C-alpha cells in the first residue's frame, strides 16, 4: 500500500485498503468487528482514497499499527 500511495494511485489504494480490512475481519472471526466497521463507514465511499489521496499516508500508518 505504501508503494501505491507513493505513486498516487488512489483507485488501487482504495482496493488494497478494502482487501486489508476484509482480511482482518476474516482473521478475527468477529461479527462485532464487522458490524462496528459497517456502522462506522456507512457513508464513506469504497473509493475514499481515490477521492481523497491526502489520507493515504495516515491510512498506511494505521495499518502498520494494526499489524
C-alpha atoms as a PDB file:
ATOM      1  CA  UNK A   1       0.000   0.000   0.000  1.00  0.00           C
ATOM      2  CA  UNK A   2       2.888   2.343   0.690  1.00  0.00           C
ATOM      3  CA  UNK A   3       4.204   1.985  -2.874  1.00  0.00           C
ATOM      4  CA  UNK A   4       0.725   2.536  -4.324  1.00  0.00           C
ATOM      5  CA  UNK A   5       0.269   5.650  -2.204  1.00  0.00           C
ATOM      6  CA  UNK A   6       3.662   6.966  -3.299  1.00  0.00           C
ATOM      7  CA  UNK A   7       2.586   6.598  -6.916  1.00  0.00           C
ATOM      8  CA  UNK A   8      -0.675   8.373  -6.032  1.00  0.00           C
ATOM      9  CA  UNK A   9      -2.827   5.573  -7.420  1.00  0.00           C
ATOM     10  CA  UNK A  10      -5.977   6.331  -5.478  1.00  0.00           C
ATOM     11  CA  UNK A  11      -8.162   3.612  -7.000  1.00  0.00           C
ATOM     12  CA  UNK A  12      -5.549   0.939  -6.303  1.00  0.00           C
ATOM     13  CA  UNK A  13      -5.077   2.273  -2.760  1.00  0.00           C
ATOM     14  CA  UNK A  14      -8.823   2.023  -2.171  1.00  0.00           C
ATOM     15  CA  UNK A  15      -8.886  -1.551  -3.439  1.00  0.00           C
ATOM     16  CA  UNK A  16      -5.934  -2.570  -1.269  1.00  0.00           C
ATOM     17  CA  UNK A  17      -7.484  -0.878   1.753  1.00  0.00           C
ATOM     18  CA  UNK A  18     -10.681  -2.879   1.292  1.00  0.00           C
ATOM     19  CA  UNK A  19      -8.696  -6.109   0.879  1.00  0.00           C
ATOM     20  CA  UNK A  20      -6.766  -5.323   4.063  1.00  0.00           C
ATOM     21  CA  UNK A  21      -9.942  -4.826   6.069  1.00  0.00           C
ATOM     22  CA  UNK A  22     -11.676  -7.877   4.648  1.00  0.00           C
ATOM     23  CA  UNK A  23      -8.644  -9.981   5.598  1.00  0.00           C
ATOM     24  CA  UNK A  24      -8.560  -8.626   9.153  1.00  0.00           C
ATOM     25  CA  UNK A  25     -12.284  -9.372   9.542  1.00  0.00           C
ATOM     26  CA  UNK A  26     -11.874 -12.943   8.344  1.00  0.00           C
ATOM     27  CA  UNK A  27      -8.890 -13.468  10.606  1.00  0.00           C
ATOM     28  CA  UNK A  28     -10.641 -12.017  13.649  1.00  0.00           C
ATOM     29  CA  UNK A  29     -13.815 -14.070  13.147  1.00  0.00           C
ATOM     30  CA  UNK A  30     -15.586 -11.268  14.970  1.00  0.00           C
ATOM     31  CA  UNK A  31     -19.079 -10.382  13.843  1.00  0.00           C
ATOM     32  CA  UNK A  32     -18.947  -7.425  16.248  1.00  0.00           C
ATOM     33  CA  UNK A  33     -15.888  -6.016  14.486  1.00  0.00           C
ATOM     34  CA  UNK A  34     -17.596  -6.328  11.101  1.00  0.00           C
ATOM     35  CA  UNK A  35     -20.765  -4.700  12.448  1.00  0.00           C
ATOM     36  CA  UNK A  36     -18.790  -1.851  14.005  1.00  0.00           C
ATOM     37  CA  UNK A  37     -16.879  -1.190  10.802  1.00  0.00           C
ATOM     38  CA  UNK A  38     -20.060  -1.232   8.720  1.00  0.00           C
ATOM     39  CA  UNK A  39     -21.683   1.287  11.040  1.00  0.00           C
ATOM     40  CA  UNK A  40     -18.586   3.479  11.185  1.00  0.00           C
ATOM     41  CA  UNK A  41     -18.129   3.568   7.413  1.00  0.00           C
ATOM     42  CA  UNK A  42     -21.738   3.555   6.276  1.00  0.00           C
ATOM     43  CA  UNK A  43     -21.444   6.889   4.494  1.00  0.00           C
ATOM     44  CA  UNK A  44     -17.868   6.578   3.268  1.00  0.00           C
ATOM     45  CA  UNK A  45     -17.406   5.547  -0.331  1.00  0.00           C
ATOM     46  CA  UNK A  46     -15.298   2.472  -1.099  1.00  0.00           C
ATOM     47  CA  UNK A  47     -13.203   4.699  -3.332  1.00  0.00           C
ATOM     48  CA  UNK A  48     -12.345   7.085  -0.496  1.00  0.00           C
ATOM     49  CA  UNK A  49      -8.610   7.102  -1.183  1.00  0.00           C
ATOM     50  CA  UNK A  50      -9.197   7.660  -4.884  1.00  0.00           C
ATOM     51  CA  UNK A  51     -11.227  10.740  -3.992  1.00  0.00           C
ATOM     52  CA  UNK A  52      -9.006  11.829  -1.068  1.00  0.00           C
ATOM     53  CA  UNK A  53      -5.405  10.706  -1.671  1.00  0.00           C
ATOM     54  CA  UNK A  54      -4.158  13.018   1.077  1.00  0.00           C
ATOM     55  CA  UNK A  55      -5.334  10.438   3.634  1.00  0.00           C
ATOM     56  CA  UNK A  56      -3.228   7.581   2.242  1.00  0.00           C
ATOM     57  CA  UNK A  57      -0.209   8.229   4.453  1.00  0.00           C
ATOM     58  CA  UNK A  58      -2.277   8.165   7.643  1.00  0.00           C
ATOM     59  CA  UNK A  59      -4.054   5.041   6.442  1.00  0.00           C
ATOM     60  CA  UNK A  60      -0.719   3.287   5.976  1.00  0.00           C
ATOM     61  CA  UNK A  61       0.429   4.375   9.435  1.00  0.00           C
ATOM     62  CA  UNK A  62      -2.756   2.997  10.984  1.00  0.00           C
ATOM     63  CA  UNK A  63      -2.436  -0.298   9.151  1.00  0.00           C
ATOM     64  CA  UNK A  64       1.154  -0.640  10.358  1.00  0.00           C
ATOM     65  CA  UNK A  65      -0.087  -0.099  13.928  1.00  0.00           C
ATOM     66  CA  UNK A  66      -2.697  -2.847  13.475  1.00  0.00           C
ATOM     67  CA  UNK A  67      -0.123  -5.285  12.118  1.00  0.00           C
END
